[in-house]
Amino acid sequence: MNKLTPVILSGLLLFGAAACSEGAKTSADSPNSTTENRNSPPPAETVQKTQGDATSDIRKNQANSDIRAREQRNNVTGGDAIRADGDLQSEVRSKLEVNITQGQLTVEAKDGLVTVGGTVPNQTDLAKIEPLAKEIKGVKDVNVTAVVAPAAPASPSSNQ
């Protein structure tokens, strides 16, 4: 049994690392990576559904509470600015999701550098990305590869 335990633990750690390697997204229809930008705008129905979820008071309170809890936990451990990549990625994604409700963004973090890709509906939202991301403790720099792509109008067949 003593020889089997390290093998089992290694397997669990490997599985966990592989499961956590995907970038954080603000919606299911966001691009799969920060280097992928969709040239076609997202459908209006998708934007409305995502916006409805992101703008609900429950979701806003949940995201803001999560961000506060992470900051408090970081302060308890000494308030250092060195944060785990996954923690930064998730926290920036939450911050953007609540503040840019019509965006379809992907967030990746590596050693304090946060890259945000995807689409936003207007230039105002695009300009919000960097300052919002920099509000998160541990973010050293932000690379914004997101583009402006307003939502496509709803197709006549989808209104039935």
C-alpha atoms as a PDB file:
ATOM      1  CA  MET A   1       0.000   0.000   0.000  1.00  0.00           C
ATOM      2  CA  ASN A   2       2.887   2.390   0.773  1.00  0.00           C
ATOM      3  CA  LYS A   3       4.162   2.089  -2.795  1.00  0.00           C
ATOM      4  CA  LEU A   4       0.707   2.611  -4.301  1.00  0.00           C
ATOM      5  CA  THR A   5      -0.101   5.834  -2.415  1.00  0.00           C
ATOM      6  CA  PRO A   6       2.394   8.080  -4.280  1.00  0.00           C
ATOM      7  CA  VAL A   7       1.152   6.753  -7.624  1.00  0.00           C
ATOM      8  CA  ILE A   8      -2.464   7.490  -6.730  1.00  0.00           C
ATOM      9  CA  LEU A   9      -1.627  10.973  -5.415  1.00  0.00           C
ATOM     10  CA  SER A  10       0.442  11.751  -8.521  1.00  0.00           C
ATOM     11  CA  GLY A  11      -2.425  10.694 -10.738  1.00  0.00           C
ATOM     12  CA  LEU A  12      -4.878  12.908  -8.872  1.00  0.00           C
ATOM     13  CA  LEU A  13      -2.548  15.909  -9.054  1.00  0.00           C
ATOM     14  CA  LEU A  14      -1.955  15.365 -12.777  1.00  0.00           C
ATOM     15  CA  PHE A  15      -5.704  15.077 -13.403  1.00  0.00           C
ATOM     16  CA  GLY A  16      -6.351  18.234 -11.386  1.00  0.00           C
ATOM     17  CA  ALA A  17      -3.706  20.211 -13.247  1.00  0.00           C
ATOM     18  CA  ALA A  18      -5.079  19.116 -16.623  1.00  0.00           C
ATOM     19  CA  ALA A  19      -8.637  19.974 -15.597  1.00  0.00           C
ATOM     20  CA  CYS A  20      -7.635  23.492 -14.548  1.00  0.00           C
ATOM     21  CA  SER A  21      -5.610  24.377 -17.640  1.00  0.00           C
ATOM     22  CA  GLU A  22      -8.474  25.878 -19.677  1.00  0.00           C
ATOM     23  CA  GLY A  23      -8.757  29.678 -19.714  1.00  0.00           C
ATOM     24  CA  ALA A  24     -11.555  31.399 -17.799  1.00  0.00           C
ATOM     25  CA  LYS A  25     -14.451  32.658 -19.906  1.00  0.00           C
ATOM     26  CA  THR A  26     -17.178  35.201 -19.225  1.00  0.00           C
ATOM     27  CA  SER A  27     -19.718  33.178 -21.241  1.00  0.00           C
ATOM     28  CA  ALA A  28     -19.967  29.772 -22.883  1.00  0.00           C
ATOM     29  CA  ASP A  29     -19.829  31.397 -26.326  1.00  0.00           C
ATOM     30  CA  SER A  30     -16.577  33.241 -25.650  1.00  0.00           C
ATOM     31  CA  PRO A  31     -13.555  32.282 -27.752  1.00  0.00           C
ATOM     32  CA  ASN A  32     -11.552  29.304 -26.537  1.00  0.00           C
ATOM     33  CA  SER A  33      -8.334  31.287 -26.090  1.00  0.00           C
ATOM     34  CA  THR A  34      -7.137  34.875 -25.795  1.00  0.00           C
ATOM     35  CA  THR A  35      -5.513  34.657 -29.222  1.00  0.00           C
ATOM     36  CA  GLU A  36      -8.792  33.754 -30.936  1.00  0.00           C
ATOM     37  CA  ASN A  37     -11.051  36.658 -31.864  1.00  0.00           C
ATOM     38  CA  ARG A  38     -14.245  35.987 -33.679  1.00  0.00           C
ATOM     39  CA  ASN A  39     -14.756  38.232 -36.639  1.00  0.00           C
ATOM     40  CA  SER A  40     -18.483  37.624 -36.577  1.00  0.00           C
ATOM     41  CA  PRO A  41     -20.430  39.319 -33.810  1.00  0.00           C
ATOM     42  CA  PRO A  42     -22.206  37.173 -31.234  1.00  0.00           C
ATOM     43  CA  PRO A  43     -25.932  36.590 -31.803  1.00  0.00           C
ATOM     44  CA  ALA A  44     -28.225  39.045 -30.001  1.00  0.00           C
ATOM     45  CA  GLU A  45     -29.984  36.212 -28.139  1.00  0.00           C
ATOM     46  CA  THR A  46     -26.687  35.042 -26.657  1.00  0.00           C
ATOM     47  CA  VAL A  47     -25.772  38.561 -25.577  1.00  0.00           C
ATOM     48  CA  GLN A  48     -29.188  39.080 -23.956  1.00  0.00           C
ATOM     49  CA  LYS A  49     -28.979  35.772 -22.080  1.00  0.00           C
ATOM     50  CA  THR A  50     -25.443  36.473 -20.860  1.00  0.00           C
ATOM     51  CA  GLN A  51     -26.329  40.033 -19.924  1.00  0.00           C
ATOM     52  CA  GLY A  52     -29.406  38.881 -18.013  1.00  0.00           C
ATOM     53  CA  ASP A  53     -27.309  36.508 -15.933  1.00  0.00           C
ATOM     54  CA  ALA A  54     -24.452  38.952 -15.395  1.00  0.00           C
ATOM     55  CA  THR A  55     -26.669  41.885 -14.446  1.00  0.00           C
ATOM     56  CA  SER A  56     -28.794  40.042 -11.918  1.00  0.00           C
ATOM     57  CA  ASP A  57     -28.299  41.416  -8.410  1.00  0.00           C
ATOM     58  CA  ILE A  58     -27.627  37.930  -7.091  1.00  0.00           C
ATOM     59  CA  ARG A  59     -24.782  37.378  -9.591  1.00  0.00           C
ATOM     60  CA  LYS A  60     -23.269  40.813  -8.945  1.00  0.00           C
ATOM     61  CA  ASN A  61     -23.344  40.299  -5.193  1.00  0.00           C
ATOM     62  CA  GLN A  62     -21.897  36.814  -5.553  1.00  0.00           C
ATOM     63  CA  ALA A  63     -19.020  37.984  -7.763  1.00  0.00           C
ATOM     64  CA  ASN A  64     -18.211  40.986  -5.586  1.00  0.00           C
ATOM     65  CA  SER A  65     -18.347  38.844  -2.442  1.00  0.00           C
ATOM     66  CA  ASP A  66     -16.024  36.311  -4.066  1.00  0.00           C
ATOM     67  CA  ILE A  67     -13.535  39.035  -5.012  1.00  0.00           C
ATOM     68  CA  ARG A  68     -13.623  40.505  -1.464  1.00  0.00           C
ATOM     69  CA  ALA A  69     -13.112  37.062   0.080  1.00  0.00           C
ATOM     70  CA  ARG A  70     -10.098  36.374  -2.129  1.00  0.00           C
ATOM     71  CA  GLU A  71      -8.572  39.742  -1.279  1.00  0.00           C
ATOM     72  CA  GLN A  72      -9.137  39.127   2.444  1.00  0.00           C
ATOM     73  CA  ARG A  73      -7.596  35.661   2.179  1.00  0.00           C
ATOM     74  CA  ASN A  74      -4.609  37.131   0.365  1.00  0.00           C
ATOM     75  CA  ASN A  75      -4.205  39.819   3.043  1.00  0.00           C
ATOM     76  CA  VAL A  76      -4.274  37.198   5.807  1.00  0.00           C
ATOM     77  CA  THR A  77      -1.389  35.385   4.146  1.00  0.00           C
ATOM     78  CA  GLY A  78       0.701  38.544   4.179  1.00  0.00           C
ATOM     79  CA  GLY A  79      -0.881  40.568   1.394  1.00  0.00           C
ATOM     80  CA  ASP A  80       1.807  39.561  -1.045  1.00  0.00           C
ATOM     81  CA  ALA A  81       1.301  40.451  -4.679  1.00  0.00           C
ATOM     82  CA  ILE A  82       2.407  37.025  -5.908  1.00  0.00           C
ATOM     83  CA  ARG A  83      -0.786  35.161  -6.705  1.00  0.00           C
ATOM     84  CA  ALA A  84      -1.528  31.806  -8.295  1.00  0.00           C
ATOM     85  CA  ASP A  85      -2.255  32.098 -12.021  1.00  0.00           C
ATOM     86  CA  GLY A  86      -5.613  30.350 -11.676  1.00  0.00           C
ATOM     87  CA  ASP A  87      -6.657  32.659  -8.852  1.00  0.00           C
ATOM     88  CA  LEU A  88      -5.786  35.778 -10.861  1.00  0.00           C
ATOM     89  CA  GLN A  89      -7.498  34.395 -13.938  1.00  0.00           C
ATOM     90  CA  SER A  90     -10.711  33.622 -12.074  1.00  0.00           C
ATOM     91  CA  GLU A  91     -10.786  36.873 -10.149  1.00  0.00           C
ATOM     92  CA  VAL A  92     -10.208  39.036 -13.246  1.00  0.00           C
ATOM     93  CA  ARG A  93     -12.871  37.067 -15.134  1.00  0.00           C
ATOM     94  CA  SER A  94     -15.375  37.688 -12.316  1.00  0.00           C
ATOM     95  CA  LYS A  95     -14.544  41.393 -12.235  1.00  0.00           C
ATOM     96  CA  LEU A  96     -14.999  41.736 -16.003  1.00  0.00           C
ATOM     97  CA  GLU A  97     -18.160  39.620 -16.073  1.00  0.00           C
ATOM     98  CA  VAL A  98     -19.928  41.908 -13.616  1.00  0.00           C
ATOM     99  CA  ASN A  99     -18.720  45.180 -15.137  1.00  0.00           C
ATOM    100  CA  ILE A 100     -18.839  44.376 -18.869  1.00  0.00           C
ATOM    101  CA  THR A 101     -22.121  42.504 -19.139  1.00  0.00           C
ATOM    102  CA  GLN A 102     -22.351  42.262 -22.928  1.00  0.00           C
ATOM    103  CA  GLY A 103     -18.788  41.073 -23.497  1.00  0.00           C
ATOM    104  CA  GLN A 104     -17.706  37.593 -24.428  1.00  0.00           C
ATOM    105  CA  LEU A 105     -14.227  37.517 -22.984  1.00  0.00           C
ATOM    106  CA  THR A 106     -11.536  34.959 -22.281  1.00  0.00           C
ATOM    107  CA  VAL A 107      -8.966  35.529 -19.541  1.00  0.00           C
ATOM    108  CA  GLU A 108      -5.552  33.911 -19.141  1.00  0.00           C
ATOM    109  CA  ALA A 109      -2.943  34.704 -16.495  1.00  0.00           C
ATOM    110  CA  LYS A 110       0.751  33.849 -16.280  1.00  0.00           C
ATOM    111  CA  ASP A 111       3.123  35.256 -13.649  1.00  0.00           C
ATOM    112  CA  GLY A 112       1.033  38.405 -13.101  1.00  0.00           C
ATOM    113  CA  LEU A 113       0.507  39.087 -16.817  1.00  0.00           C
ATOM    114  CA  VAL A 114      -3.193  38.890 -17.670  1.00  0.00           C
ATOM    115  CA  THR A 115      -4.323  38.523 -21.278  1.00  0.00           C
ATOM    116  CA  VAL A 116      -7.946  39.283 -22.146  1.00  0.00           C
ATOM    117  CA  GLY A 117      -9.346  38.306 -25.547  1.00  0.00           C
ATOM    118  CA  GLY A 118     -12.777  38.014 -27.135  1.00  0.00           C
ATOM    119  CA  THR A 119     -15.360  40.615 -28.061  1.00  0.00           C
ATOM    120  CA  VAL A 120     -17.086  43.594 -26.465  1.00  0.00           C
ATOM    121  CA  PRO A 121     -19.982  45.598 -27.928  1.00  0.00           C
ATOM    122  CA  ASN A 122     -18.339  49.033 -27.934  1.00  0.00           C
ATOM    123  CA  GLN A 123     -15.143  51.032 -27.467  1.00  0.00           C
ATOM    124  CA  THR A 124     -16.195  52.155 -23.965  1.00  0.00           C
ATOM    125  CA  ASP A 125     -16.275  48.562 -22.718  1.00  0.00           C
ATOM    126  CA  LEU A 126     -12.962  47.831 -24.444  1.00  0.00           C
ATOM    127  CA  ALA A 127     -11.370  50.754 -22.588  1.00  0.00           C
ATOM    128  CA  LYS A 128     -12.694  49.413 -19.233  1.00  0.00           C
ATOM    129  CA  ILE A 129     -10.859  46.076 -19.481  1.00  0.00           C
ATOM    130  CA  GLU A 130      -7.343  47.147 -18.481  1.00  0.00           C
ATOM    131  CA  PRO A 131      -8.277  49.365 -15.500  1.00  0.00           C
ATOM    132  CA  LEU A 132     -10.700  46.757 -14.136  1.00  0.00           C
ATOM    133  CA  ALA A 133      -8.123  43.980 -14.409  1.00  0.00           C
ATOM    134  CA  LYS A 134      -5.460  46.119 -12.712  1.00  0.00           C
ATOM    135  CA  GLU A 135      -7.754  46.562  -9.691  1.00  0.00           C
ATOM    136  CA  ILE A 136      -7.017  42.950  -8.795  1.00  0.00           C
ATOM    137  CA  LYS A 137      -4.037  42.595  -6.477  1.00  0.00           C
ATOM    138  CA  GLY A 138      -1.248  40.634  -8.163  1.00  0.00           C
ATOM    139  CA  VAL A 139      -1.959  41.793 -11.718  1.00  0.00           C
ATOM    140  CA  LYS A 140       1.288  43.308 -12.969  1.00  0.00           C
ATOM    141  CA  ASP A 141       0.330  44.001 -16.574  1.00  0.00           C
ATOM    142  CA  VAL A 142      -2.674  43.540 -18.859  1.00  0.00           C
ATOM    143  CA  ASN A 143      -2.575  42.599 -22.530  1.00  0.00           C
ATOM    144  CA  VAL A 144      -5.923  43.283 -24.202  1.00  0.00           C
ATOM    145  CA  THR A 145      -6.470  41.395 -27.460  1.00  0.00           C
ATOM    146  CA  ALA A 146     -10.267  41.776 -27.342  1.00  0.00           C
ATOM    147  CA  VAL A 147     -12.000  43.557 -30.219  1.00  0.00           C
ATOM    148  CA  VAL A 148     -15.196  45.547 -30.647  1.00  0.00           C
ATOM    149  CA  ALA A 149     -17.947  43.489 -32.295  1.00  0.00           C
ATOM    150  CA  PRO A 150     -21.525  44.627 -31.607  1.00  0.00           C
ATOM    151  CA  ALA A 151     -24.141  41.905 -31.256  1.00  0.00           C
ATOM    152  CA  ALA A 152     -25.728  40.701 -34.487  1.00  0.00           C
ATOM    153  CA  PRO A 153     -29.439  41.468 -34.783  1.00  0.00           C
ATOM    154  CA  ALA A 154     -31.779  38.620 -33.922  1.00  0.00           C
ATOM    155  CA  SER A 155     -32.786  36.500 -36.906  1.00  0.00           C
ATOM    156  CA  PRO A 156     -36.499  36.544 -37.806  1.00  0.00           C
ATOM    157  CA  SER A 157     -36.833  32.785 -37.223  1.00  0.00           C
ATOM    158  CA  SER A 158     -35.560  33.061 -33.627  1.00  0.00           C
ATOM    159  CA  ASN A 159     -38.377  35.392 -32.592  1.00  0.00           C
ATOM    160  CA  GLN A 160     -41.033  32.744 -33.105  1.00  0.00           C
END
